[in-house]
Amino acid sequence: MDISMLWYLVPSVVMFACGIYGFVTRKNLIAILISLELMLNAADLNFVVFNRYLFPGSMEGMVFTLFAVALAAAETALAIAIIINIYRAIGNTDITEINKMKF
């Protein structure tokens, strides 16, 4: 029994939509980072699904997804370091307070 591509794409669309909603509505930098990671994971899921259904014998989608996950991990580590420095400088991670860092 073969599972339809739709069963994989609908959760991916839901994840991406939740990520966009969280990115637009949140004011905390950590919540924005989590929303961004949710959107990246939805895109990675799409890479794997389209690779499996369009080119079943190849592994390019999986390799690209592993590269994207590694890149997302490095991006998250860098973003958390920046957020920690912002917290040390102004005392909170609210995006409305970041303009206090301007000279």
N, C-alpha and C. Protein backbone atom coordinates (compact mmCIF):
# COMPACT_ATOMS: atom_id res chain seq x y z
N MET A 1 0.84 -1.17 0.00
CA MET A 1 0.00 0.00 0.00
C MET A 1 0.90 1.25 0.00
N ASP A 2 0.71 2.09 -0.99
CA ASP A 2 1.52 3.29 -1.13
C ASP A 2 0.76 4.49 -0.55
N ILE A 3 1.43 5.22 0.26
CA ILE A 3 0.83 6.40 0.88
C ILE A 3 0.93 7.57 -0.09
N SER A 4 -0.14 8.30 -0.24
CA SER A 4 -0.18 9.43 -1.15
C SER A 4 0.73 10.55 -0.67
N MET A 5 1.21 11.35 -1.62
CA MET A 5 2.07 12.48 -1.29
C MET A 5 1.33 13.51 -0.44
N LEU A 6 0.04 13.56 -0.59
CA LEU A 6 -0.78 14.53 0.15
C LEU A 6 -0.68 14.33 1.65
N TRP A 7 -0.52 13.07 2.08
CA TRP A 7 -0.43 12.79 3.52
C TRP A 7 0.85 13.36 4.13
N TYR A 8 1.85 13.64 3.30
CA TYR A 8 3.07 14.26 3.78
C TYR A 8 3.06 15.76 3.61
N LEU A 9 2.43 16.23 2.56
CA LEU A 9 2.45 17.67 2.27
C LEU A 9 1.52 18.47 3.16
N VAL A 10 0.41 17.91 3.57
CA VAL A 10 -0.52 18.64 4.45
C VAL A 10 0.12 18.96 5.80
N PRO A 11 0.77 18.01 6.48
CA PRO A 11 1.45 18.40 7.72
C PRO A 11 2.57 19.42 7.49
N SER A 12 3.23 19.33 6.35
CA SER A 12 4.27 20.29 6.04
C SER A 12 3.69 21.70 5.87
N VAL A 13 2.57 21.80 5.20
CA VAL A 13 1.92 23.10 5.02
C VAL A 13 1.44 23.64 6.36
N VAL A 14 0.91 22.77 7.20
CA VAL A 14 0.45 23.20 8.53
C VAL A 14 1.63 23.67 9.37
N MET A 15 2.75 22.95 9.32
CA MET A 15 3.94 23.38 10.06
C MET A 15 4.44 24.72 9.56
N PHE A 16 4.46 24.89 8.24
CA PHE A 16 4.95 26.15 7.69
C PHE A 16 4.02 27.31 8.06
N ALA A 17 2.71 27.07 8.00
CA ALA A 17 1.75 28.11 8.37
C ALA A 17 1.87 28.48 9.84
N CYS A 18 2.06 27.49 10.71
CA CYS A 18 2.26 27.78 12.14
C CYS A 18 3.54 28.56 12.36
N GLY A 19 4.58 28.24 11.60
CA GLY A 19 5.83 28.98 11.70
C GLY A 19 5.67 30.43 11.27
N ILE A 20 4.96 30.67 10.18
CA ILE A 20 4.72 32.04 9.72
C ILE A 20 3.91 32.81 10.75
N TYR A 21 2.86 32.17 11.28
CA TYR A 21 2.03 32.83 12.28
C TYR A 21 2.86 33.19 13.52
N GLY A 22 3.68 32.25 13.98
CA GLY A 22 4.51 32.53 15.15
C GLY A 22 5.55 33.59 14.88
N PHE A 23 6.11 33.60 13.68
CA PHE A 23 7.13 34.59 13.33
C PHE A 23 6.54 36.00 13.28
N VAL A 24 5.32 36.10 12.78
CA VAL A 24 4.69 37.42 12.63
C VAL A 24 4.13 37.94 13.95
N THR A 25 3.60 37.07 14.78
CA THR A 25 2.87 37.53 15.96
C THR A 25 3.70 37.60 17.24
N ARG A 26 4.80 36.91 17.33
CA ARG A 26 5.57 36.87 18.58
C ARG A 26 6.48 38.08 18.70
N LYS A 27 6.76 38.46 19.94
CA LYS A 27 7.67 39.56 20.21
C LYS A 27 8.93 39.11 20.93
N ASN A 28 8.97 37.86 21.34
CA ASN A 28 10.13 37.32 22.02
C ASN A 28 11.07 36.71 20.98
N LEU A 29 12.36 37.00 21.07
CA LEU A 29 13.31 36.53 20.08
C LEU A 29 13.43 35.00 20.05
N ILE A 30 13.32 34.36 21.19
CA ILE A 30 13.39 32.90 21.24
C ILE A 30 12.19 32.29 20.52
N ALA A 31 11.01 32.84 20.72
CA ALA A 31 9.81 32.33 20.04
C ALA A 31 9.90 32.55 18.53
N ILE A 32 10.48 33.67 18.13
CA ILE A 32 10.68 33.92 16.70
C ILE A 32 11.66 32.92 16.12
N LEU A 33 12.72 32.60 16.85
CA LEU A 33 13.69 31.61 16.40
C LEU A 33 13.06 30.23 16.27
N ILE A 34 12.23 29.85 17.22
CA ILE A 34 11.54 28.57 17.15
C ILE A 34 10.61 28.52 15.94
N SER A 35 9.92 29.62 15.66
CA SER A 35 9.04 29.67 14.50
C SER A 35 9.83 29.56 13.20
N LEU A 36 10.97 30.18 13.15
CA LEU A 36 11.83 30.09 11.98
C LEU A 36 12.31 28.66 11.77
N GLU A 37 12.68 27.99 12.83
CA GLU A 37 13.10 26.59 12.74
C GLU A 37 11.95 25.69 12.29
N LEU A 38 10.75 26.00 12.71
CA LEU A 38 9.58 25.23 12.28
C LEU A 38 9.38 25.37 10.77
N MET A 39 9.56 26.58 10.25
CA MET A 39 9.44 26.78 8.81
C MET A 39 10.55 26.04 8.05
N LEU A 40 11.76 26.05 8.58
CA LEU A 40 12.85 25.32 7.93
C LEU A 40 12.61 23.82 7.93
N ASN A 41 12.07 23.29 9.02
CA ASN A 41 11.77 21.86 9.08
C ASN A 41 10.66 21.48 8.11
N ALA A 42 9.70 22.36 7.90
CA ALA A 42 8.64 22.09 6.92
C ALA A 42 9.24 22.04 5.52
N ALA A 43 10.17 22.93 5.22
CA ALA A 43 10.83 22.91 3.91
C ALA A 43 11.67 21.64 3.75
N ASP A 44 12.34 21.21 4.80
CA ASP A 44 13.13 19.97 4.74
C ASP A 44 12.24 18.76 4.49
N LEU A 45 11.08 18.73 5.11
CA LEU A 45 10.14 17.65 4.87
C LEU A 45 9.70 17.63 3.41
N ASN A 46 9.50 18.80 2.82
CA ASN A 46 9.14 18.87 1.40
C ASN A 46 10.26 18.32 0.51
N PHE A 47 11.51 18.63 0.85
CA PHE A 47 12.63 18.11 0.07
C PHE A 47 12.61 16.58 0.04
N VAL A 48 12.41 15.99 1.19
CA VAL A 48 12.42 14.53 1.29
C VAL A 48 11.24 13.93 0.54
N VAL A 49 10.06 14.51 0.69
CA VAL A 49 8.86 13.97 0.05
C VAL A 49 8.97 14.05 -1.46
N PHE A 50 9.37 15.20 -1.97
CA PHE A 50 9.47 15.34 -3.42
C PHE A 50 10.58 14.46 -3.99
N ASN A 51 11.66 14.28 -3.26
CA ASN A 51 12.70 13.38 -3.73
C ASN A 51 12.19 11.95 -3.79
N ARG A 52 11.46 11.54 -2.79
CA ARG A 52 10.97 10.16 -2.76
C ARG A 52 9.98 9.88 -3.87
N TYR A 53 9.10 10.82 -4.16
CA TYR A 53 8.06 10.58 -5.15
C TYR A 53 8.50 10.90 -6.58
N LEU A 54 9.40 11.84 -6.78
CA LEU A 54 9.83 12.17 -8.13
C LEU A 54 11.02 11.34 -8.59
N PHE A 55 11.95 11.06 -7.68
CA PHE A 55 13.14 10.28 -8.00
C PHE A 55 13.34 9.22 -6.92
N PRO A 56 12.57 8.12 -6.98
CA PRO A 56 12.60 7.15 -5.87
C PRO A 56 13.94 6.48 -5.64
N GLY A 57 14.79 6.36 -6.65
CA GLY A 57 16.05 5.65 -6.48
C GLY A 57 17.19 6.53 -6.02
N SER A 58 17.03 7.83 -6.05
CA SER A 58 18.15 8.72 -5.72
C SER A 58 18.05 9.22 -4.28
N MET A 59 19.15 9.78 -3.82
CA MET A 59 19.22 10.24 -2.43
C MET A 59 19.54 11.72 -2.32
N GLU A 60 19.43 12.48 -3.42
CA GLU A 60 19.81 13.88 -3.37
C GLU A 60 18.96 14.70 -2.39
N GLY A 61 17.67 14.42 -2.33
CA GLY A 61 16.79 15.14 -1.41
C GLY A 61 17.16 14.88 0.05
N MET A 62 17.52 13.64 0.34
CA MET A 62 17.91 13.30 1.71
C MET A 62 19.23 13.97 2.08
N VAL A 63 20.18 13.96 1.15
CA VAL A 63 21.48 14.57 1.41
C VAL A 63 21.32 16.08 1.58
N PHE A 64 20.51 16.69 0.72
CA PHE A 64 20.28 18.12 0.84
C PHE A 64 19.59 18.45 2.15
N THR A 65 18.67 17.60 2.59
CA THR A 65 17.98 17.82 3.86
C THR A 65 18.96 17.70 5.03
N LEU A 66 19.85 16.73 5.00
CA LEU A 66 20.85 16.62 6.07
C LEU A 66 21.75 17.84 6.10
N PHE A 67 22.13 18.36 4.93
CA PHE A 67 22.93 19.57 4.87
C PHE A 67 22.15 20.75 5.44
N ALA A 68 20.85 20.84 5.10
CA ALA A 68 20.01 21.94 5.60
C ALA A 68 19.83 21.85 7.12
N VAL A 69 19.70 20.64 7.66
CA VAL A 69 19.57 20.47 9.10
C VAL A 69 20.86 20.90 9.80
N ALA A 70 22.00 20.53 9.24
CA ALA A 70 23.28 20.95 9.84
C ALA A 70 23.43 22.46 9.78
N LEU A 71 23.04 23.05 8.67
CA LEU A 71 23.10 24.50 8.54
C LEU A 71 22.15 25.18 9.52
N ALA A 72 20.97 24.61 9.71
CA ALA A 72 20.00 25.17 10.66
C ALA A 72 20.52 25.07 12.10
N ALA A 73 21.23 24.00 12.41
CA ALA A 73 21.81 23.87 13.75
C ALA A 73 22.87 24.94 14.00
N ALA A 74 23.69 25.19 13.00
CA ALA A 74 24.70 26.25 13.15
C ALA A 74 24.04 27.62 13.24
N GLU A 75 23.02 27.82 12.45
CA GLU A 75 22.29 29.10 12.49
C GLU A 75 21.63 29.30 13.85
N THR A 76 21.08 28.24 14.41
CA THR A 76 20.44 28.34 15.72
C THR A 76 21.46 28.65 16.81
N ALA A 77 22.61 28.03 16.74
CA ALA A 77 23.65 28.30 17.75
C ALA A 77 24.10 29.75 17.68
N LEU A 78 24.27 30.26 16.47
CA LEU A 78 24.67 31.66 16.31
C LEU A 78 23.57 32.61 16.78
N ALA A 79 22.33 32.29 16.45
CA ALA A 79 21.20 33.14 16.86
C ALA A 79 21.05 33.16 18.38
N ILE A 80 21.22 32.02 19.01
CA ILE A 80 21.11 31.98 20.47
C ILE A 80 22.23 32.78 21.11
N ALA A 81 23.43 32.74 20.54
CA ALA A 81 24.54 33.56 21.07
C ALA A 81 24.21 35.05 20.94
N ILE A 82 23.64 35.45 19.82
CA ILE A 82 23.24 36.85 19.64
C ILE A 82 22.15 37.23 20.62
N ILE A 83 21.18 36.35 20.82
CA ILE A 83 20.08 36.62 21.75
C ILE A 83 20.61 36.75 23.18
N ILE A 84 21.57 35.92 23.55
CA ILE A 84 22.16 36.01 24.89
C ILE A 84 22.86 37.35 25.07
N ASN A 85 23.59 37.81 24.04
CA ASN A 85 24.25 39.11 24.13
C ASN A 85 23.24 40.25 24.22
N ILE A 86 22.14 40.15 23.49
CA ILE A 86 21.09 41.16 23.59
C ILE A 86 20.49 41.16 24.98
N TYR A 87 20.27 39.98 25.55
CA TYR A 87 19.71 39.89 26.90
C TYR A 87 20.66 40.50 27.93
N ARG A 88 21.94 40.26 27.77
CA ARG A 88 22.92 40.85 28.70
C ARG A 88 22.97 42.37 28.58
N ALA A 89 22.76 42.88 27.36
CA ALA A 89 22.87 44.32 27.15
C ALA A 89 21.64 45.08 27.65
N ILE A 90 20.44 44.56 27.36
CA ILE A 90 19.23 45.33 27.70
C ILE A 90 18.33 44.66 28.72
N GLY A 91 18.59 43.41 29.06
CA GLY A 91 17.85 42.77 30.15
C GLY A 91 16.61 42.02 29.75
N ASN A 92 16.21 42.03 28.49
CA ASN A 92 15.09 41.21 28.03
C ASN A 92 15.26 40.90 26.55
N THR A 93 14.40 40.05 26.03
CA THR A 93 14.50 39.64 24.62
C THR A 93 13.27 40.07 23.82
N ASP A 94 12.65 41.13 24.24
CA ASP A 94 11.49 41.66 23.53
C ASP A 94 11.99 42.48 22.34
N ILE A 95 11.43 42.25 21.16
CA ILE A 95 11.95 42.93 19.97
C ILE A 95 11.62 44.41 19.95
N THR A 96 10.67 44.83 20.75
CA THR A 96 10.38 46.26 20.80
C THR A 96 11.42 47.03 21.60
N GLU A 97 12.21 46.34 22.40
CA GLU A 97 13.23 46.96 23.22
C GLU A 97 14.62 46.97 22.57
N ILE A 98 14.76 46.36 21.42
CA ILE A 98 16.09 46.25 20.80
C ILE A 98 16.58 47.62 20.34
N ASN A 99 15.70 48.54 20.02
CA ASN A 99 16.15 49.86 19.56
C ASN A 99 16.88 50.62 20.65
N LYS A 100 16.85 50.16 21.89
CA LYS A 100 17.62 50.78 22.98
C LYS A 100 19.12 50.54 22.80
N MET A 101 19.50 49.59 21.97
CA MET A 101 20.91 49.29 21.77
C MET A 101 21.56 50.28 20.80
N LYS A 102 20.79 51.07 20.11
CA LYS A 102 21.37 52.03 19.15
C LYS A 102 22.16 53.09 19.89
N PHE A 103 23.22 53.56 19.25
CA PHE A 103 24.06 54.58 19.87
C PHE A 103 23.62 55.96 19.44
